[in-house]
Amino acid sequence: MNNKAFAILALTATSLSASVSASQDEVIHTYSYSLDNINEIYIEGGIGTMEVVHIDGTELRVELELEGTRRYFVFNKRSVEDIEIEDRVRGDRLSLRLNEDDLDHVKAHWRVEMPSVARTHIELGVGQITAEFANTELEVEVGVGAGDISLARNYVGRVEASAGVGSAVLQGANDTVSKRAMVSEESHGFGNGHHRVELSVGVGEMKVRLDET
């Protein structure tokens, strides 16, 4: 799954459960990771969709659903049974990613059940992320696609949302300011806490909402 060079380190923070596969072109992998001594989570989702749900506890759980699609001039769908998350622990940081070379002609959907850690960073190249976060410093970047992000008002401080081409909507924040310039938009506001939050999309739409906890 991950490179041998990091196998020993990864074992201290990860525990892999069984995969359920219906066929070579459809597979669901499930993973669990202990967050003992982990203060930062970094997820690189590549291409696809991602759902993040906040939970209590000290364990990160991931369900990864993969479906192969038909390649040009090939009747059979792409086999996905050997595609796995690559994980790495370095210091107090746990990193999860999919290799971009594995994602040609593949639909990927992440479901992530995530407790709060000190810092969270998520990148999605192309696709859509729907997520809720609580007590964490947060950065979410989407290249092309959309974000729908829910934040706990009592934990976040300054919130910045931006779209290079598209829209950035911030709801429920204090002292909200929005600036529109040609095709881009930037919005910022404040919650009642102190964590800094930065949310951006290159092309698409970023929606952000601050909720009461």
N, C-alpha and C. Protein backbone atom coordinates (compact mmCIF):
# COMPACT_ATOMS: atom_id res chain seq x y z
N MET A 1 0.84 -1.20 0.00
CA MET A 1 0.00 0.00 0.00
C MET A 1 0.87 1.24 0.00
N ASN A 2 1.68 1.45 1.04
CA ASN A 2 2.59 2.58 1.07
C ASN A 2 4.00 2.11 0.82
N ASN A 3 4.91 3.05 0.56
CA ASN A 3 6.28 2.71 0.25
C ASN A 3 6.93 2.01 1.42
N LYS A 4 7.80 1.04 1.16
CA LYS A 4 8.45 0.28 2.21
C LYS A 4 9.24 1.18 3.15
N ALA A 5 9.77 2.27 2.61
CA ALA A 5 10.58 3.17 3.43
C ALA A 5 9.80 3.75 4.58
N PHE A 6 8.46 3.82 4.43
CA PHE A 6 7.64 4.41 5.47
C PHE A 6 6.79 3.38 6.19
N ALA A 7 6.98 2.10 5.90
CA ALA A 7 6.10 1.07 6.43
C ALA A 7 6.15 1.02 7.95
N ILE A 8 7.36 1.06 8.52
CA ILE A 8 7.48 0.94 9.96
C ILE A 8 6.85 2.13 10.66
N LEU A 9 7.10 3.35 10.12
CA LEU A 9 6.50 4.54 10.71
C LEU A 9 4.99 4.49 10.60
N ALA A 10 4.48 4.08 9.46
CA ALA A 10 3.04 4.08 9.25
C ALA A 10 2.33 3.11 10.18
N LEU A 11 2.97 2.01 10.51
CA LEU A 11 2.33 1.03 11.36
C LEU A 11 2.04 1.56 12.74
N THR A 12 2.79 2.57 13.18
CA THR A 12 2.55 3.12 14.51
C THR A 12 1.26 3.94 14.56
N ALA A 13 0.73 4.33 13.40
CA ALA A 13 -0.45 5.19 13.42
C ALA A 13 -1.59 4.67 12.58
N THR A 14 -1.41 3.55 11.88
CA THR A 14 -2.45 3.10 10.98
C THR A 14 -2.84 1.66 11.25
N SER A 15 -4.09 1.38 10.94
CA SER A 15 -4.59 0.01 11.02
C SER A 15 -5.54 -0.19 9.86
N LEU A 16 -5.25 -1.13 8.99
CA LEU A 16 -6.03 -1.33 7.77
C LEU A 16 -7.01 -2.47 7.96
N SER A 17 -8.28 -2.20 7.68
CA SER A 17 -9.28 -3.26 7.77
C SER A 17 -9.52 -3.86 6.39
N ALA A 18 -10.41 -4.83 6.32
CA ALA A 18 -10.61 -5.57 5.09
C ALA A 18 -11.29 -4.72 4.02
N SER A 19 -11.06 -5.09 2.77
CA SER A 19 -11.71 -4.45 1.64
C SER A 19 -12.87 -5.32 1.17
N VAL A 20 -13.89 -4.68 0.62
CA VAL A 20 -15.04 -5.39 0.08
C VAL A 20 -15.09 -5.10 -1.41
N SER A 21 -15.02 -6.12 -2.24
CA SER A 21 -14.97 -5.92 -3.68
C SER A 21 -16.06 -6.73 -4.35
N ALA A 22 -16.82 -6.04 -5.21
CA ALA A 22 -17.83 -6.74 -5.99
C ALA A 22 -17.26 -7.30 -7.28
N SER A 23 -16.28 -6.63 -7.84
CA SER A 23 -15.66 -7.05 -9.09
C SER A 23 -14.34 -6.31 -9.23
N GLN A 24 -13.58 -6.60 -10.27
CA GLN A 24 -12.30 -5.95 -10.48
C GLN A 24 -12.46 -4.47 -10.78
N ASP A 25 -13.63 -4.06 -11.31
CA ASP A 25 -13.80 -2.65 -11.66
C ASP A 25 -14.60 -1.87 -10.62
N GLU A 26 -14.99 -2.49 -9.50
CA GLU A 26 -15.63 -1.80 -8.40
C GLU A 26 -15.09 -2.34 -7.09
N VAL A 27 -14.66 -1.45 -6.21
CA VAL A 27 -14.09 -1.91 -4.95
C VAL A 27 -14.32 -0.86 -3.88
N ILE A 28 -14.48 -1.30 -2.64
CA ILE A 28 -14.56 -0.40 -1.49
C ILE A 28 -13.49 -0.83 -0.49
N HIS A 29 -12.59 0.10 -0.18
CA HIS A 29 -11.57 -0.14 0.84
C HIS A 29 -11.95 0.62 2.10
N THR A 30 -11.72 0.03 3.25
CA THR A 30 -11.93 0.73 4.51
C THR A 30 -10.62 0.75 5.30
N TYR A 31 -10.35 1.88 5.93
CA TYR A 31 -9.12 2.08 6.69
C TYR A 31 -9.44 2.72 8.03
N SER A 32 -8.60 2.48 9.02
CA SER A 32 -8.70 3.20 10.27
C SER A 32 -7.30 3.58 10.72
N TYR A 33 -7.18 4.78 11.30
CA TYR A 33 -5.89 5.32 11.71
C TYR A 33 -5.99 5.87 13.13
N SER A 34 -5.15 5.38 14.01
CA SER A 34 -5.07 5.95 15.35
C SER A 34 -4.44 7.33 15.26
N LEU A 35 -5.00 8.29 15.98
CA LEU A 35 -4.48 9.65 15.97
C LEU A 35 -3.68 9.97 17.24
N ASP A 36 -3.29 8.95 17.98
CA ASP A 36 -2.40 9.17 19.11
C ASP A 36 -1.10 9.80 18.61
N ASN A 37 -0.70 10.91 19.20
CA ASN A 37 0.52 11.64 18.83
C ASN A 37 0.45 12.29 17.45
N ILE A 38 -0.74 12.37 16.84
CA ILE A 38 -0.93 13.05 15.55
C ILE A 38 -1.61 14.39 15.79
N ASN A 39 -0.98 15.46 15.31
CA ASN A 39 -1.55 16.81 15.45
C ASN A 39 -1.95 17.43 14.12
N GLU A 40 -1.59 16.78 13.02
CA GLU A 40 -1.92 17.32 11.71
C GLU A 40 -2.35 16.20 10.78
N ILE A 41 -3.45 16.44 10.03
CA ILE A 41 -3.91 15.50 9.01
C ILE A 41 -3.85 16.20 7.67
N TYR A 42 -3.21 15.54 6.70
CA TYR A 42 -3.14 16.07 5.34
C TYR A 42 -3.69 15.01 4.40
N ILE A 43 -4.70 15.39 3.61
CA ILE A 43 -5.31 14.46 2.66
C ILE A 43 -5.24 15.07 1.27
N GLU A 44 -4.70 14.31 0.33
CA GLU A 44 -4.64 14.72 -1.08
C GLU A 44 -5.56 13.78 -1.87
N GLY A 45 -6.72 14.30 -2.23
CA GLY A 45 -7.75 13.44 -2.80
C GLY A 45 -7.64 13.19 -4.29
N GLY A 46 -6.85 13.98 -5.01
CA GLY A 46 -6.73 13.78 -6.45
C GLY A 46 -7.99 14.19 -7.19
N ILE A 47 -8.59 13.25 -7.90
CA ILE A 47 -9.79 13.50 -8.70
C ILE A 47 -10.94 12.68 -8.13
N GLY A 48 -12.08 13.33 -7.89
CA GLY A 48 -13.23 12.59 -7.38
C GLY A 48 -14.06 13.43 -6.45
N THR A 49 -14.76 12.77 -5.55
CA THR A 49 -15.60 13.46 -4.57
C THR A 49 -15.17 13.04 -3.17
N MET A 50 -15.46 13.92 -2.21
CA MET A 50 -15.08 13.63 -0.83
C MET A 50 -16.16 14.14 0.12
N GLU A 51 -16.48 13.32 1.09
CA GLU A 51 -17.41 13.69 2.16
C GLU A 51 -16.66 13.55 3.48
N VAL A 52 -16.63 14.63 4.26
CA VAL A 52 -15.94 14.63 5.55
C VAL A 52 -16.97 14.86 6.64
N VAL A 53 -17.00 13.97 7.63
CA VAL A 53 -17.94 14.06 8.74
C VAL A 53 -17.14 14.17 10.03
N HIS A 54 -17.48 15.15 10.86
CA HIS A 54 -16.79 15.29 12.14
C HIS A 54 -17.32 14.28 13.14
N ILE A 55 -16.40 13.61 13.86
CA ILE A 55 -16.78 12.67 14.90
C ILE A 55 -15.90 12.92 16.13
N ASP A 56 -16.35 12.45 17.28
CA ASP A 56 -15.53 12.47 18.48
C ASP A 56 -14.65 11.22 18.51
N GLY A 57 -13.59 11.27 19.30
CA GLY A 57 -12.73 10.10 19.43
C GLY A 57 -11.30 10.38 19.02
N THR A 58 -10.52 9.32 18.87
CA THR A 58 -9.09 9.43 18.54
C THR A 58 -8.73 8.55 17.35
N GLU A 59 -9.71 8.27 16.50
CA GLU A 59 -9.46 7.41 15.35
C GLU A 59 -10.06 8.03 14.09
N LEU A 60 -9.26 8.09 13.04
CA LEU A 60 -9.71 8.55 11.74
C LEU A 60 -10.13 7.34 10.92
N ARG A 61 -11.33 7.39 10.36
CA ARG A 61 -11.83 6.28 9.55
C ARG A 61 -12.11 6.75 8.13
N VAL A 62 -11.70 5.94 7.16
CA VAL A 62 -11.85 6.29 5.75
C VAL A 62 -12.48 5.13 5.01
N GLU A 63 -13.50 5.45 4.21
CA GLU A 63 -14.06 4.49 3.26
C GLU A 63 -13.80 5.04 1.87
N LEU A 64 -13.09 4.29 1.06
CA LEU A 64 -12.74 4.72 -0.29
C LEU A 64 -13.43 3.81 -1.30
N GLU A 65 -14.32 4.41 -2.08
CA GLU A 65 -15.06 3.68 -3.10
C GLU A 65 -14.48 4.01 -4.47
N LEU A 66 -14.09 2.99 -5.21
CA LEU A 66 -13.46 3.16 -6.51
C LEU A 66 -14.27 2.42 -7.58
N GLU A 67 -14.43 3.06 -8.72
CA GLU A 67 -15.11 2.43 -9.85
C GLU A 67 -14.32 2.71 -11.12
N GLY A 68 -13.96 1.67 -11.84
CA GLY A 68 -13.27 1.85 -13.11
C GLY A 68 -14.25 2.22 -14.21
N THR A 69 -13.80 3.03 -15.15
CA THR A 69 -14.61 3.39 -16.31
C THR A 69 -13.96 2.85 -17.58
N ARG A 70 -14.69 2.87 -18.66
CA ARG A 70 -14.16 2.33 -19.91
C ARG A 70 -13.14 3.28 -20.53
N ARG A 71 -12.04 2.72 -20.95
CA ARG A 71 -11.02 3.50 -21.64
C ARG A 71 -11.32 3.58 -23.12
N TYR A 72 -10.67 4.52 -23.78
CA TYR A 72 -10.91 4.72 -25.20
C TYR A 72 -10.69 3.43 -25.98
N PHE A 73 -11.69 3.05 -26.77
CA PHE A 73 -11.61 1.91 -27.68
C PHE A 73 -11.41 0.58 -26.94
N VAL A 74 -11.67 0.56 -25.63
CA VAL A 74 -11.54 -0.68 -24.86
C VAL A 74 -12.90 -0.98 -24.24
N PHE A 75 -13.41 -2.18 -24.45
CA PHE A 75 -14.74 -2.51 -23.97
C PHE A 75 -14.76 -2.67 -22.45
N ASN A 76 -13.77 -3.35 -21.89
CA ASN A 76 -13.75 -3.60 -20.46
C ASN A 76 -13.43 -2.34 -19.68
N LYS A 77 -13.97 -2.26 -18.46
CA LYS A 77 -13.68 -1.14 -17.59
C LYS A 77 -12.31 -1.29 -16.94
N ARG A 78 -11.76 -0.19 -16.52
CA ARG A 78 -10.46 -0.18 -15.85
C ARG A 78 -10.53 -0.98 -14.55
N SER A 79 -9.55 -1.85 -14.30
CA SER A 79 -9.48 -2.58 -13.05
C SER A 79 -8.99 -1.65 -11.94
N VAL A 80 -9.65 -1.73 -10.78
CA VAL A 80 -9.28 -0.84 -9.66
C VAL A 80 -8.90 -1.62 -8.40
N GLU A 81 -8.87 -2.93 -8.46
CA GLU A 81 -8.70 -3.72 -7.24
C GLU A 81 -7.35 -3.52 -6.58
N ASP A 82 -6.34 -3.05 -7.31
CA ASP A 82 -5.01 -2.88 -6.72
C ASP A 82 -4.73 -1.45 -6.28
N ILE A 83 -5.69 -0.54 -6.44
CA ILE A 83 -5.48 0.86 -6.05
C ILE A 83 -5.74 1.02 -4.56
N GLU A 84 -4.78 1.57 -3.84
CA GLU A 84 -4.89 1.76 -2.40
C GLU A 84 -4.47 3.17 -2.02
N ILE A 85 -4.91 3.61 -0.85
CA ILE A 85 -4.41 4.86 -0.29
C ILE A 85 -2.95 4.69 0.10
N GLU A 86 -2.14 5.68 -0.22
CA GLU A 86 -0.76 5.73 0.25
C GLU A 86 -0.72 6.57 1.53
N ASP A 87 -0.24 5.99 2.61
CA ASP A 87 -0.21 6.71 3.88
C ASP A 87 1.21 6.87 4.38
N ARG A 88 1.43 7.95 5.14
CA ARG A 88 2.77 8.25 5.64
C ARG A 88 2.65 9.01 6.96
N VAL A 89 3.46 8.65 7.91
CA VAL A 89 3.57 9.39 9.15
C VAL A 89 4.95 10.00 9.23
N ARG A 90 4.99 11.31 9.42
CA ARG A 90 6.26 12.01 9.59
C ARG A 90 6.10 12.97 10.75
N GLY A 91 6.79 12.70 11.84
CA GLY A 91 6.61 13.51 13.04
C GLY A 91 5.20 13.35 13.57
N ASP A 92 4.49 14.47 13.73
CA ASP A 92 3.11 14.42 14.22
C ASP A 92 2.10 14.60 13.10
N ARG A 93 2.53 14.35 11.86
CA ARG A 93 1.67 14.55 10.70
C ARG A 93 1.35 13.22 10.02
N LEU A 94 0.05 12.98 9.79
CA LEU A 94 -0.42 11.83 9.02
C LEU A 94 -0.88 12.31 7.66
N SER A 95 -0.29 11.75 6.60
CA SER A 95 -0.63 12.12 5.23
C SER A 95 -1.27 10.93 4.51
N LEU A 96 -2.36 11.22 3.80
CA LEU A 96 -3.06 10.21 2.99
C LEU A 96 -3.20 10.75 1.59
N ARG A 97 -2.95 9.92 0.59
CA ARG A 97 -3.07 10.39 -0.79
C ARG A 97 -3.37 9.23 -1.72
N LEU A 98 -3.91 9.58 -2.90
CA LEU A 98 -4.02 8.65 -4.01
C LEU A 98 -3.03 9.08 -5.08
N ASN A 99 -2.32 8.12 -5.62
CA ASN A 99 -1.38 8.41 -6.69
C ASN A 99 -2.16 8.84 -7.94
N GLU A 100 -1.81 10.00 -8.50
CA GLU A 100 -2.53 10.51 -9.67
C GLU A 100 -2.48 9.54 -10.84
N ASP A 101 -1.40 8.79 -10.96
CA ASP A 101 -1.29 7.84 -12.07
C ASP A 101 -2.32 6.72 -11.96
N ASP A 102 -2.80 6.47 -10.74
CA ASP A 102 -3.80 5.41 -10.54
C ASP A 102 -5.21 5.85 -10.89
N LEU A 103 -5.41 7.16 -11.12
CA LEU A 103 -6.76 7.69 -11.23
C LEU A 103 -7.25 7.87 -12.67
N ASP A 104 -6.46 7.48 -13.65
CA ASP A 104 -6.93 7.54 -15.03
C ASP A 104 -8.08 6.56 -15.22
N HIS A 105 -9.23 7.08 -15.70
CA HIS A 105 -10.41 6.27 -15.95
C HIS A 105 -10.92 5.60 -14.67
N VAL A 106 -10.88 6.35 -13.58
CA VAL A 106 -11.34 5.86 -12.29
C VAL A 106 -12.20 6.93 -11.62
N LYS A 107 -13.37 6.53 -11.09
CA LYS A 107 -14.17 7.40 -10.24
C LYS A 107 -13.86 7.06 -8.79
N ALA A 108 -13.50 8.08 -8.00
CA ALA A 108 -13.14 7.86 -6.60
C ALA A 108 -14.06 8.68 -5.70
N HIS A 109 -14.53 8.05 -4.64
CA HIS A 109 -15.32 8.76 -3.62
C HIS A 109 -14.76 8.43 -2.26
N TRP A 110 -14.37 9.49 -1.51
CA TRP A 110 -13.89 9.34 -0.15
C TRP A 110 -15.02 9.65 0.82
N ARG A 111 -15.16 8.83 1.86
CA ARG A 111 -15.95 9.20 3.03
C ARG A 111 -15.00 9.16 4.21
N VAL A 112 -14.82 10.31 4.85
CA VAL A 112 -13.84 10.45 5.92
C VAL A 112 -14.56 10.83 7.20
N GLU A 113 -14.40 10.02 8.23
CA GLU A 113 -14.91 10.33 9.56
C GLU A 113 -13.73 10.79 10.41
N MET A 114 -13.73 12.09 10.76
CA MET A 114 -12.52 12.72 11.27
C MET A 114 -12.74 13.43 12.60
N PRO A 115 -12.03 13.02 13.65
CA PRO A 115 -12.03 13.82 14.88
C PRO A 115 -11.20 15.09 14.67
N SER A 116 -11.34 16.03 15.57
CA SER A 116 -10.56 17.26 15.48
C SER A 116 -9.11 17.02 15.88
N VAL A 117 -8.19 17.58 15.10
CA VAL A 117 -6.78 17.66 15.44
C VAL A 117 -6.37 19.12 15.33
N ALA A 118 -5.14 19.43 15.71
CA ALA A 118 -4.72 20.83 15.72
C ALA A 118 -4.79 21.47 14.34
N ARG A 119 -4.38 20.70 13.30
CA ARG A 119 -4.33 21.26 11.94
C ARG A 119 -4.87 20.23 10.94
N THR A 120 -5.65 20.73 9.98
CA THR A 120 -6.19 19.88 8.92
C THR A 120 -5.97 20.55 7.58
N HIS A 121 -5.46 19.80 6.61
CA HIS A 121 -5.21 20.34 5.27
C HIS A 121 -5.72 19.31 4.26
N ILE A 122 -6.63 19.73 3.38
CA ILE A 122 -7.20 18.85 2.38
C ILE A 122 -7.06 19.49 1.00
N GLU A 123 -6.59 18.70 0.04
CA GLU A 123 -6.49 19.15 -1.35
C GLU A 123 -7.28 18.19 -2.24
N LEU A 124 -8.03 18.76 -3.18
CA LEU A 124 -8.76 17.98 -4.17
C LEU A 124 -8.50 18.62 -5.52
N GLY A 125 -7.92 17.85 -6.45
CA GLY A 125 -7.55 18.41 -7.74
C GLY A 125 -8.77 18.80 -8.57
N VAL A 126 -9.63 17.83 -8.82
CA VAL A 126 -10.85 18.04 -9.58
C VAL A 126 -11.97 17.28 -8.90
N GLY A 127 -13.05 17.97 -8.55
CA GLY A 127 -14.16 17.27 -7.94
C GLY A 127 -14.93 18.14 -6.96
N GLN A 128 -15.57 17.51 -6.02
CA GLN A 128 -16.44 18.20 -5.07
C GLN A 128 -16.20 17.67 -3.67
N ILE A 129 -16.15 18.58 -2.70
CA ILE A 129 -16.01 18.20 -1.30
C ILE A 129 -17.16 18.79 -0.50
N THR A 130 -17.78 17.94 0.31
CA THR A 130 -18.79 18.35 1.28
C THR A 130 -18.26 17.96 2.65
N ALA A 131 -18.15 18.93 3.56
CA ALA A 131 -17.44 18.63 4.80
C ALA A 131 -17.93 19.47 5.96
N GLU A 132 -17.74 18.91 7.17
CA GLU A 132 -18.00 19.64 8.40
C GLU A 132 -16.77 19.50 9.31
N PHE A 133 -16.38 20.63 9.92
CA PHE A 133 -15.20 20.65 10.78
C PHE A 133 -15.53 21.37 12.07
N ALA A 134 -14.79 21.03 13.13
CA ALA A 134 -15.02 21.66 14.42
C ALA A 134 -13.75 22.37 14.89
N ASN A 135 -13.05 21.79 15.83
CA ASN A 135 -11.96 22.46 16.53
C ASN A 135 -10.62 22.19 15.85
N THR A 136 -10.35 22.88 14.75
CA THR A 136 -9.11 22.67 14.01
C THR A 136 -8.74 23.90 13.18
N GLU A 137 -7.45 24.14 13.04
CA GLU A 137 -6.99 25.09 12.04
C GLU A 137 -7.12 24.41 10.69
N LEU A 138 -7.67 25.11 9.69
CA LEU A 138 -8.12 24.41 8.49
C LEU A 138 -7.70 25.11 7.21
N GLU A 139 -7.26 24.28 6.25
CA GLU A 139 -7.03 24.75 4.88
C GLU A 139 -7.59 23.72 3.92
N VAL A 140 -8.46 24.17 3.03
CA VAL A 140 -9.04 23.31 1.99
C VAL A 140 -8.80 23.96 0.64
N GLU A 141 -8.25 23.19 -0.30
CA GLU A 141 -7.98 23.69 -1.65
C GLU A 141 -8.62 22.76 -2.67
N VAL A 142 -9.42 23.32 -3.56
CA VAL A 142 -10.00 22.57 -4.68
C VAL A 142 -9.52 23.22 -5.96
N GLY A 143 -8.96 22.44 -6.88
CA GLY A 143 -8.49 23.00 -8.14
C GLY A 143 -9.65 23.42 -9.03
N VAL A 144 -10.44 22.44 -9.44
CA VAL A 144 -11.62 22.69 -10.27
C VAL A 144 -12.78 21.91 -9.66
N GLY A 145 -13.87 22.62 -9.34
CA GLY A 145 -15.01 21.92 -8.78
C GLY A 145 -15.77 22.77 -7.79
N ALA A 146 -16.10 22.19 -6.63
CA ALA A 146 -16.94 22.90 -5.68
C ALA A 146 -16.65 22.43 -4.26
N GLY A 147 -16.88 23.34 -3.32
CA GLY A 147 -16.78 23.01 -1.91
C GLY A 147 -18.03 23.47 -1.18
N ASP A 148 -18.51 22.67 -0.24
CA ASP A 148 -19.64 23.02 0.62
C ASP A 148 -19.19 22.69 2.04
N ILE A 149 -18.76 23.71 2.78
CA ILE A 149 -18.05 23.52 4.04
C ILE A 149 -18.84 24.09 5.20
N SER A 150 -19.00 23.30 6.25
CA SER A 150 -19.68 23.73 7.47
C SER A 150 -18.65 23.82 8.60
N LEU A 151 -18.65 24.95 9.33
CA LEU A 151 -17.67 25.18 10.39
C LEU A 151 -18.40 25.47 11.70
N ALA A 152 -17.76 25.12 12.80
CA ALA A 152 -18.31 25.41 14.12
C ALA A 152 -17.92 26.83 14.53
N ARG A 153 -18.91 27.69 14.64
CA ARG A 153 -18.67 29.11 14.89
C ARG A 153 -17.80 29.36 16.13
N ASN A 154 -18.00 28.58 17.19
CA ASN A 154 -17.31 28.85 18.44
C ASN A 154 -15.83 28.50 18.42
N TYR A 155 -15.37 27.79 17.37
CA TYR A 155 -13.97 27.41 17.29
C TYR A 155 -13.17 28.25 16.30
N VAL A 156 -13.79 28.75 15.25
CA VAL A 156 -13.04 29.40 14.19
C VAL A 156 -12.90 30.90 14.47
N GLY A 157 -11.76 31.44 14.02
CA GLY A 157 -11.53 32.88 14.09
C GLY A 157 -11.78 33.50 12.74
N ARG A 158 -10.71 33.96 12.08
CA ARG A 158 -10.85 34.55 10.75
C ARG A 158 -11.06 33.45 9.72
N VAL A 159 -12.06 33.64 8.87
CA VAL A 159 -12.38 32.69 7.80
C VAL A 159 -12.22 33.40 6.47
N GLU A 160 -11.43 32.82 5.57
CA GLU A 160 -11.24 33.38 4.24
C GLU A 160 -11.68 32.36 3.20
N ALA A 161 -12.53 32.79 2.27
CA ALA A 161 -12.99 31.94 1.18
C ALA A 161 -12.72 32.67 -0.14
N SER A 162 -12.23 31.94 -1.14
CA SER A 162 -11.90 32.59 -2.41
C SER A 162 -12.14 31.66 -3.58
N ALA A 163 -12.43 32.28 -4.74
CA ALA A 163 -12.58 31.55 -6.00
C ALA A 163 -11.83 32.33 -7.07
N GLY A 164 -10.88 31.67 -7.75
CA GLY A 164 -10.15 32.34 -8.83
C GLY A 164 -11.07 32.68 -9.99
N VAL A 165 -11.88 31.71 -10.38
CA VAL A 165 -12.92 31.91 -11.38
C VAL A 165 -14.18 31.26 -10.83
N GLY A 166 -15.15 32.08 -10.44
CA GLY A 166 -16.37 31.52 -9.87
C GLY A 166 -16.87 32.34 -8.70
N SER A 167 -17.36 31.68 -7.66
CA SER A 167 -17.96 32.40 -6.54
C SER A 167 -17.48 31.83 -5.21
N ALA A 168 -17.43 32.71 -4.21
CA ALA A 168 -17.06 32.33 -2.85
C ALA A 168 -18.09 32.95 -1.90
N VAL A 169 -18.90 32.12 -1.28
CA VAL A 169 -20.01 32.58 -0.45
C VAL A 169 -19.74 32.20 1.00
N LEU A 170 -19.83 33.18 1.90
CA LEU A 170 -19.62 32.96 3.32
C LEU A 170 -20.88 33.37 4.08
N GLN A 171 -21.45 32.44 4.84
CA GLN A 171 -22.69 32.69 5.57
C GLN A 171 -22.48 32.47 7.06
N GLY A 172 -23.17 33.28 7.87
CA GLY A 172 -23.17 33.07 9.31
C GLY A 172 -21.98 33.62 10.05
N ALA A 173 -21.10 34.36 9.37
CA ALA A 173 -19.91 34.91 10.02
C ALA A 173 -20.18 36.33 10.49
N ASN A 174 -19.34 36.81 11.40
CA ASN A 174 -19.39 38.19 11.85
C ASN A 174 -18.56 39.08 10.94
N ASP A 175 -19.02 40.30 10.72
CA ASP A 175 -18.26 41.30 9.96
C ASP A 175 -17.83 40.77 8.59
N THR A 176 -18.76 40.17 7.88
CA THR A 176 -18.44 39.58 6.58
C THR A 176 -18.19 40.66 5.53
N VAL A 177 -17.13 40.46 4.74
CA VAL A 177 -16.80 41.35 3.63
C VAL A 177 -16.61 40.49 2.39
N SER A 178 -17.26 40.87 1.28
CA SER A 178 -17.12 40.16 0.02
C SER A 178 -16.65 41.12 -1.06
N LYS A 179 -15.70 40.67 -1.87
CA LYS A 179 -15.16 41.50 -2.96
C LYS A 179 -15.23 40.71 -4.25
N ARG A 180 -15.83 41.34 -5.25
CA ARG A 180 -15.95 40.72 -6.57
C ARG A 180 -15.08 41.49 -7.55
N ALA A 181 -14.25 40.80 -8.31
CA ALA A 181 -13.39 41.44 -9.29
C ALA A 181 -13.42 40.61 -10.57
N MET A 182 -14.13 41.11 -11.59
CA MET A 182 -14.27 40.38 -12.85
C MET A 182 -14.83 38.99 -12.59
N VAL A 183 -14.01 37.95 -12.76
CA VAL A 183 -14.52 36.58 -12.62
C VAL A 183 -14.20 35.97 -11.27
N SER A 184 -13.46 36.67 -10.42
CA SER A 184 -13.06 36.11 -9.13
C SER A 184 -13.87 36.71 -7.99
N GLU A 185 -13.83 36.05 -6.82
CA GLU A 185 -14.51 36.56 -5.65
C GLU A 185 -13.76 36.13 -4.39
N GLU A 186 -13.70 37.04 -3.43
CA GLU A 186 -13.10 36.76 -2.13
C GLU A 186 -14.06 37.21 -1.03
N SER A 187 -14.18 36.40 0.01
CA SER A 187 -15.01 36.75 1.15
C SER A 187 -14.25 36.40 2.43
N HIS A 188 -14.42 37.23 3.45
CA HIS A 188 -13.85 36.89 4.74
C HIS A 188 -14.75 37.39 5.86
N GLY A 189 -14.64 36.75 7.00
CA GLY A 189 -15.44 37.09 8.17
C GLY A 189 -14.83 36.42 9.39
N PHE A 190 -15.57 36.45 10.50
CA PHE A 190 -15.02 35.96 11.76
C PHE A 190 -16.04 35.12 12.51
N GLY A 191 -15.53 34.09 13.18
CA GLY A 191 -16.32 33.34 14.13
C GLY A 191 -16.04 33.84 15.53
N ASN A 192 -16.37 33.04 16.53
CA ASN A 192 -16.16 33.44 17.92
C ASN A 192 -14.92 32.82 18.54
N GLY A 193 -14.17 32.04 17.74
CA GLY A 193 -12.99 31.35 18.26
C GLY A 193 -11.69 31.96 17.78
N HIS A 194 -10.67 31.11 17.57
CA HIS A 194 -9.37 31.64 17.20
C HIS A 194 -8.70 30.90 16.04
N HIS A 195 -9.24 29.77 15.59
CA HIS A 195 -8.58 29.01 14.53
C HIS A 195 -8.70 29.74 13.18
N ARG A 196 -7.60 29.83 12.47
CA ARG A 196 -7.61 30.42 11.14
C ARG A 196 -8.09 29.39 10.12
N VAL A 197 -8.93 29.83 9.19
CA VAL A 197 -9.50 28.94 8.17
C VAL A 197 -9.32 29.58 6.80
N GLU A 198 -8.76 28.83 5.86
CA GLU A 198 -8.57 29.29 4.48
C GLU A 198 -9.17 28.25 3.54
N LEU A 199 -10.12 28.68 2.70
CA LEU A 199 -10.83 27.78 1.79
C LEU A 199 -10.80 28.38 0.40
N SER A 200 -10.35 27.61 -0.58
CA SER A 200 -10.20 28.19 -1.92
C SER A 200 -10.56 27.19 -3.00
N VAL A 201 -11.04 27.72 -4.13
CA VAL A 201 -11.28 26.93 -5.33
C VAL A 201 -10.70 27.70 -6.51
N GLY A 202 -9.97 27.01 -7.38
CA GLY A 202 -9.40 27.67 -8.55
C GLY A 202 -10.48 28.07 -9.54
N VAL A 203 -11.27 27.09 -9.94
CA VAL A 203 -12.39 27.33 -10.85
C VAL A 203 -13.60 26.61 -10.28
N GLY A 204 -14.65 27.35 -9.94
CA GLY A 204 -15.84 26.71 -9.41
C GLY A 204 -16.50 27.53 -8.33
N GLU A 205 -17.03 26.87 -7.32
CA GLU A 205 -17.80 27.54 -6.28
C GLU A 205 -17.38 27.03 -4.91
N MET A 206 -17.17 27.96 -3.98
CA MET A 206 -16.88 27.60 -2.60
C MET A 206 -17.97 28.21 -1.70
N LYS A 207 -18.73 27.34 -1.04
CA LYS A 207 -19.76 27.77 -0.09
C LYS A 207 -19.31 27.43 1.32
N VAL A 208 -19.41 28.40 2.22
CA VAL A 208 -18.96 28.21 3.59
C VAL A 208 -20.05 28.69 4.53
N ARG A 209 -20.29 27.92 5.58
CA ARG A 209 -21.34 28.26 6.53
C ARG A 209 -20.82 28.06 7.95
N LEU A 210 -21.01 29.05 8.81
CA LEU A 210 -20.68 28.93 10.21
C LEU A 210 -21.94 28.58 11.00
N ASP A 211 -21.86 27.48 11.76
CA ASP A 211 -23.02 27.00 12.51
C ASP A 211 -22.73 27.06 14.00
N GLU A 212 -23.79 27.13 14.77
CA GLU A 212 -23.66 27.04 16.23
C GLU A 212 -23.33 25.59 16.60
N THR A 213 -22.51 25.41 17.62
CA THR A 213 -22.15 24.05 18.04
C THR A 213 -23.09 23.57 19.13
